[in-house]
Protein backbone atom coordinates (compact mmCIF):
# COMPACT_ATOMS: atom_id res chain seq x y z
CA MET A 1 60.51 -35.48 2.34
CA THR A 2 62.75 -35.89 -0.93
CA SER A 3 62.43 -33.50 -3.94
CA ASN A 4 61.01 -36.43 -5.94
CA THR A 5 58.22 -37.04 -3.21
CA GLY A 6 57.60 -33.20 -3.20
CA LEU A 7 57.03 -33.02 -7.09
CA LEU A 8 54.88 -36.46 -7.12
CA CYS A 9 52.54 -34.57 -4.09
CA ALA A 10 52.44 -31.41 -6.18
CA PHE A 11 51.45 -33.20 -9.57
CA ILE A 12 48.73 -35.41 -7.79
CA LEU A 13 47.22 -32.35 -6.42
CA ALA A 14 47.45 -30.60 -9.71
CA ILE A 15 45.70 -33.64 -11.29
CA GLY A 16 43.05 -33.34 -8.73
CA SER A 17 42.42 -29.69 -9.05
CA GLY A 18 42.01 -30.25 -12.78
CA ALA A 19 39.79 -32.92 -12.15
CA ALA A 20 37.76 -30.91 -9.89
CA GLN A 21 37.41 -28.28 -12.33
CA ALA A 22 36.51 -30.67 -15.20
CA ALA A 23 33.76 -31.84 -13.00
CA ASP A 24 31.98 -28.47 -12.86
CA PRO A 25 28.55 -29.07 -14.58
CA PRO A 26 28.11 -26.96 -17.66
CA ILE A 27 26.47 -23.24 -17.05
CA THR A 28 22.88 -23.66 -18.78
CA ILE A 29 21.14 -20.38 -20.15
CA SER A 30 17.42 -20.19 -20.08
CA THR A 31 16.75 -17.81 -22.87
CA GLY A 32 13.41 -17.37 -25.26
CA LYS A 33 11.99 -18.76 -28.42
CA SER A 34 14.37 -20.05 -31.16
CA GLY A 35 15.71 -16.94 -33.22
CA GLY A 36 14.44 -14.41 -30.53
CA GLY A 37 16.75 -11.54 -28.69
CA TYR A 38 16.97 -13.44 -25.45
CA ASN A 39 18.30 -16.68 -27.48
CA THR A 40 20.65 -14.67 -29.48
CA ILE A 41 22.10 -12.90 -26.47
CA GLY A 42 22.45 -16.97 -24.79
CA GLU A 43 24.13 -18.05 -27.86
CA ARG A 44 26.77 -15.31 -27.92
CA LEU A 45 27.51 -15.82 -24.03
CA LYS A 46 28.01 -19.27 -24.89
CA SER A 47 30.20 -18.60 -27.21
CA VAL A 48 32.31 -15.82 -25.11
CA LEU A 49 32.37 -18.58 -22.49
CA ALA A 50 33.80 -21.37 -24.67
CA GLU A 51 36.66 -18.85 -25.14
CA GLN A 52 37.36 -19.10 -21.60
CA GLU A 53 37.08 -22.48 -21.51
CA LEU A 54 34.08 -22.69 -19.69
CA SER A 55 31.13 -25.40 -20.79
CA ALA A 56 27.74 -23.82 -21.33
CA GLN A 57 24.48 -25.10 -22.84
CA VAL A 58 21.74 -23.01 -24.18
CA LEU A 59 18.19 -23.74 -23.95
CA THR A 60 14.91 -22.12 -25.24
CA SER A 61 11.81 -21.33 -23.64
CA ALA A 62 8.39 -19.72 -23.49
CA GLY A 63 10.05 -16.50 -21.83
CA SER A 64 10.91 -14.65 -18.83
CA LEU A 65 8.22 -16.50 -16.43
CA GLU A 66 9.64 -19.80 -17.64
CA ASN A 67 13.22 -18.96 -17.42
CA LEU A 68 12.67 -17.73 -13.92
CA ASN A 69 10.85 -21.11 -12.65
CA ARG A 70 13.97 -23.28 -14.11
CA LEU A 71 16.30 -20.70 -12.30
CA ALA A 72 14.36 -21.31 -8.87
CA ASP A 73 13.89 -24.80 -9.46
CA PRO A 74 16.93 -26.86 -7.71
CA GLN A 75 16.03 -29.97 -9.90
CA SER A 76 16.40 -27.84 -12.95
CA PRO A 77 20.12 -27.70 -14.41
CA VAL A 78 19.70 -23.98 -15.43
CA SER A 79 21.78 -21.60 -13.78
CA VAL A 80 21.53 -18.49 -15.88
CA GLY A 81 18.39 -17.02 -17.30
CA LEU A 82 17.19 -13.95 -19.16
CA THR A 83 14.23 -11.86 -17.68
CA GLN A 84 12.39 -8.78 -17.87
CA ALA A 85 12.70 -6.59 -14.90
CA ASP A 86 8.61 -6.27 -14.69
CA ALA A 87 8.79 -10.11 -14.73
CA LEU A 88 11.31 -10.33 -11.87
CA LYS A 89 9.32 -8.39 -9.60
CA TYR A 90 5.94 -10.13 -10.56
CA TYR A 91 7.96 -13.58 -9.68
CA LEU A 92 9.15 -12.04 -6.20
CA LYS A 93 5.93 -11.28 -5.26
CA ASP A 94 4.78 -14.86 -4.94
CA HIS A 95 8.32 -16.28 -4.79
CA PRO A 96 10.17 -14.01 -1.90
CA ASP A 97 12.66 -16.62 -1.17
CA PHE A 98 13.88 -16.30 -4.65
CA ALA A 99 15.45 -13.00 -3.77
CA ASP A 100 18.19 -14.63 -1.84
CA GLN A 101 19.02 -17.14 -4.41
CA PHE A 102 19.72 -14.92 -7.20
CA ILE A 103 22.41 -12.44 -8.50
CA SER A 104 22.62 -10.10 -11.25
CA LEU A 105 25.23 -10.48 -13.80
CA GLY A 106 23.68 -7.11 -15.82
CA GLU A 107 21.28 -5.40 -18.26
CA ILE A 108 20.52 -6.80 -21.48
CA GLY A 109 18.90 -3.82 -23.08
CA LYS A 110 15.82 -1.68 -22.77
CA GLU A 111 12.26 -3.39 -23.36
CA CYS A 112 9.41 -0.92 -23.78
CA VAL A 113 5.53 -1.83 -23.90
CA PHE A 114 4.02 -1.11 -27.58
CA ILE A 115 -0.13 -1.33 -27.75
CA VAL A 116 -1.18 -1.60 -31.25
CA THR A 117 -5.01 -0.81 -32.20
CA GLY A 118 -6.78 -0.03 -35.46
CA LYS A 119 -6.11 3.43 -36.95
CA ASN A 120 -10.02 4.34 -36.38
CA SER A 121 -10.40 2.57 -32.98
CA ASP A 122 -11.96 4.39 -30.16
CA LEU A 123 -8.88 3.56 -28.03
CA LYS A 124 -7.03 6.59 -27.78
CA SER A 125 -4.96 5.73 -24.78
CA ASP A 126 -4.64 3.64 -21.78
CA SER A 127 -7.13 5.12 -19.40
CA ASP A 128 -9.84 3.59 -22.72
CA LEU A 129 -8.36 0.13 -21.82
CA GLN A 130 -9.64 0.52 -18.33
CA GLN A 131 -13.26 1.26 -18.93
CA PRO A 132 -15.68 -1.28 -17.61
CA GLY A 133 -18.78 -3.11 -19.77
CA LYS A 134 -16.88 -2.84 -23.06
CA GLY A 135 -15.85 -6.64 -23.33
CA ARG A 136 -12.61 -6.08 -24.73
CA LEU A 137 -9.70 -8.52 -25.36
CA ILE A 138 -6.21 -7.42 -25.72
CA ALA A 139 -3.67 -9.84 -27.56
CA VAL A 140 -0.65 -11.29 -25.69
CA GLN A 141 1.85 -13.88 -26.37
CA SER A 142 1.24 -17.63 -24.52
CA PRO A 143 0.82 -17.46 -20.75
CA ASN A 144 4.32 -17.97 -19.87
CA SER A 145 5.56 -15.06 -22.13
CA GLY A 146 7.07 -11.91 -20.94
CA VAL A 147 4.38 -10.02 -22.83
CA ALA A 148 1.68 -12.05 -20.75
CA VAL A 149 3.71 -11.24 -17.62
CA THR A 150 3.93 -7.49 -18.33
CA TRP A 151 -0.20 -7.48 -18.85
CA GLU A 152 -0.55 -9.31 -15.76
CA TYR A 153 1.80 -7.14 -13.78
CA MET A 154 0.15 -4.24 -15.25
CA THR A 155 -3.38 -5.36 -14.03
CA ARG A 156 -1.76 -5.70 -10.10
CA LEU A 157 -0.65 -1.97 -10.44
CA GLU A 158 -3.34 -0.78 -12.01
CA PRO A 159 -6.39 -3.04 -11.39
CA GLY A 160 -8.40 -1.02 -14.01
CA PHE A 161 -6.60 -3.01 -16.60
CA LYS A 162 -8.36 -6.14 -15.94
CA ASN A 163 -11.38 -4.75 -17.64
CA THR A 164 -9.61 -5.43 -20.90
CA ALA A 165 -8.88 -9.40 -20.49
CA PRO A 166 -5.90 -11.18 -22.48
CA ALA A 167 -6.14 -13.25 -25.55
CA PHE A 168 -3.27 -15.84 -25.84
CA VAL A 169 -3.17 -15.11 -29.68
CA ASP A 170 -0.29 -14.91 -32.10
CA GLY A 171 0.52 -11.05 -32.74
CA ALA A 172 0.29 -11.11 -36.76
CA GLU A 173 -3.10 -13.17 -36.26
CA ALA A 174 -4.39 -10.44 -33.87
CA LEU A 175 -3.29 -7.52 -36.27
CA LEU A 176 -5.35 -9.36 -39.02
CA GLN A 177 -8.33 -9.54 -37.02
CA ILE A 178 -8.07 -6.00 -35.65
CA LYS A 179 -7.77 -4.87 -39.27
CA SER A 180 -10.57 -7.07 -40.92
CA GLY A 181 -12.73 -7.22 -38.13
CA GLY A 182 -12.86 -3.41 -37.10
CA ALA A 183 -15.03 -2.06 -34.09
CA SER A 184 -16.60 -5.67 -34.49
CA SER A 185 -13.49 -7.70 -33.58
CA LYS A 186 -13.38 -8.79 -29.93
CA ILE A 187 -9.66 -8.02 -29.90
CA GLN A 188 -9.14 -4.32 -30.17
CA ALA A 189 -5.56 -4.28 -29.18
CA ALA A 190 -2.47 -6.19 -29.41
CA MET A 191 0.60 -5.73 -27.15
CA VAL A 192 4.03 -6.25 -27.66
CA VAL A 193 7.32 -6.07 -25.49
CA GLN A 194 10.24 -5.32 -27.37
CA LYS A 195 13.79 -3.07 -27.75
CA PRO A 196 12.33 0.28 -29.17
CA MET A 197 13.68 -0.33 -32.88
CA ALA A 198 13.40 -4.24 -33.25
CA LYS A 199 12.04 -5.64 -35.93
CA SER A 200 9.58 -7.73 -34.86
CA THR A 201 6.61 -8.98 -37.26
CA GLU A 202 4.05 -7.10 -35.52
CA MET A 203 5.96 -3.53 -35.42
CA GLN A 204 6.97 -4.09 -39.23
CA VAL A 205 3.32 -4.17 -40.07
CA VAL A 206 2.40 -1.20 -37.89
CA LEU A 207 4.83 0.83 -39.31
CA GLU A 208 4.33 -0.21 -42.91
CA ASN A 209 0.60 0.06 -42.60
CA PRO A 210 0.00 3.70 -40.93
CA LYS A 211 -3.83 3.80 -42.62
CA ASP A 212 -4.61 0.75 -40.60
CA PHE A 213 -3.06 0.66 -36.97
CA ARG A 214 -1.56 3.20 -34.75
CA LEU A 215 0.14 3.02 -31.15
CA ILE A 216 -1.44 3.82 -27.96
CA PRO A 217 0.17 5.78 -25.38
CA VAL A 218 0.71 4.24 -22.04
CA LYS A 219 1.15 6.70 -19.05
CA ASP A 220 -0.80 5.61 -15.94
CA TRP A 221 1.54 6.80 -13.26
CA ASP A 222 0.05 4.12 -11.25
CA LEU A 223 2.45 1.56 -13.09
CA ASN A 224 5.07 3.40 -11.34
CA ASP A 225 6.94 0.67 -9.00
CA LYS A 226 10.53 -0.42 -7.72
CA LEU A 227 12.68 -3.62 -7.39
CA PRO A 228 14.02 -4.69 -4.34
CA ASP A 229 17.46 -2.85 -5.08
CA GLY A 230 15.40 0.43 -5.17
CA SER A 231 15.42 1.03 -8.98
CA ALA A 232 12.29 1.26 -10.94
CA VAL A 233 10.46 -1.34 -12.65
CA TYR A 234 9.48 0.96 -15.30
CA THR A 235 10.57 4.24 -16.71
CA PHE A 236 8.12 6.80 -18.33
CA GLU A 237 9.44 7.59 -21.97
CA SER A 238 8.79 8.99 -25.57
CA VAL A 239 10.20 6.09 -27.38
CA THR A 240 11.10 6.27 -31.22
CA VAL A 241 10.21 3.09 -33.05
CA ALA A 242 11.64 4.00 -36.49
CA GLU A 243 13.00 6.79 -38.75
CA LYS A 244 10.46 8.88 -39.76
CA LYS A 245 8.85 7.68 -43.10
CA TRP A 246 5.63 9.20 -44.96
CA GLY A 247 5.14 11.67 -42.22
CA PHE A 248 4.30 8.57 -39.65
CA ASP A 249 4.39 9.38 -36.13
CA THR A 250 7.54 7.08 -35.28
CA ALA A 251 7.26 8.48 -31.33
CA VAL A 252 4.89 7.18 -28.84
CA ASP A 253 4.70 7.71 -25.05
CA THR A 254 4.94 4.55 -23.27
CA ILE A 255 6.65 2.38 -20.48
CA CYS A 256 9.98 0.72 -20.65
CA THR A 257 11.77 -1.87 -18.50
CA ARG A 258 15.06 -3.56 -18.55
CA GLY A 259 15.97 -7.19 -19.66
CA LEU A 260 18.31 -8.67 -16.78
CA MET A 261 20.62 -11.72 -16.95
CA LEU A 262 20.39 -13.42 -13.60
CA ALA A 263 22.28 -16.32 -12.21
CA ASN A 264 21.54 -18.62 -9.59
CA LYS A 265 24.35 -18.43 -7.06
CA ASN A 266 23.65 -21.61 -5.49
CA LYS A 267 23.95 -23.47 -8.82
CA LEU A 268 27.26 -22.06 -9.88
CA THR A 269 30.74 -22.97 -8.53
CA ALA A 270 32.99 -20.15 -7.19
CA ASP A 271 34.87 -20.58 -10.10
CA GLN A 272 32.12 -20.17 -12.62
CA ARG A 273 30.62 -16.97 -10.83
CA THR A 274 34.16 -15.53 -10.71
CA ARG A 275 34.45 -15.85 -14.67
CA LEU A 276 31.04 -15.29 -15.61
CA ALA A 277 31.52 -11.83 -13.55
CA LYS A 278 34.64 -11.38 -15.51
CA VAL A 279 33.05 -11.68 -18.91
CA MET A 280 30.07 -9.53 -18.15
CA LEU A 281 32.29 -6.70 -16.95
CA LEU A 282 34.95 -7.14 -19.60
CA ALA A 283 32.84 -8.29 -22.88
CA ALA A 284 29.42 -7.42 -21.71
CA SER A 285 28.75 -5.56 -25.40
CA ARG A 286 29.92 -9.03 -27.25
CA VAL A 287 27.06 -10.78 -25.13
CA VAL A 288 24.51 -8.06 -25.44
CA GLY A 289 25.37 -6.67 -28.86
CA GLU A 290 23.58 -3.05 -29.45
CA THR A 291 21.36 -2.23 -26.83
CA GLY A 292 18.29 -0.19 -26.80
CA LYS A 293 17.52 -0.54 -30.54
């Protein structure tokens, strides 16, 4: 083989390799509602991947459960999804085969359960939500949201919670009903799942109106469970939700889970998996931002 022929072969191989890499589908990231924390993380990941010349697109979603469904669906382009650890455990119970398909790219922050009730409500602890015959409702987001999945999973671990039924009502609307309806309101509590000091509408209302609302402790040990890797689904913590103001009690005992970034290893090329791993090892702080707040 002449040197010119050898150079030509190398050139063709290089072109072929580049074409194969260019043909890789974009990494599709399923996040959450537009403007929410998960959606923000997805957009950050897209930006960091672009610096590595990796094409990516971000999809909004109803939350953790929809992300998991998309990630597991072979017909869906979604290759990366964000979810809560409890939603993952809940999903794996009905879809055990998915355990062999996903890999974890890392944690994306702590998320805690906050249950809000009226200041004068007779709900004092999570055990009061388990009392039968009261006809109470707890407001959660849409059925596919992480909040709804958390409540459903809590009822699996502690069936007593089924004595309080979920109402798929916007959090702000639910707080208005709790405030204006008092003891006559069917909705007696609203649940929020968020980072401890996130500024959601619901938590801002609670913190700015301590004469109208308070937080219910969640301490039932039956909520203890583990993921397939042996790590806890929930940790039991005393969580600070805001700096002290007007003497308002800003800490509450509750359960916390972890936000996770998962990938379907069957939907990514070897090159994409390698570069995603490097991004989450070396630039996770840029993708996740401040964790735990």
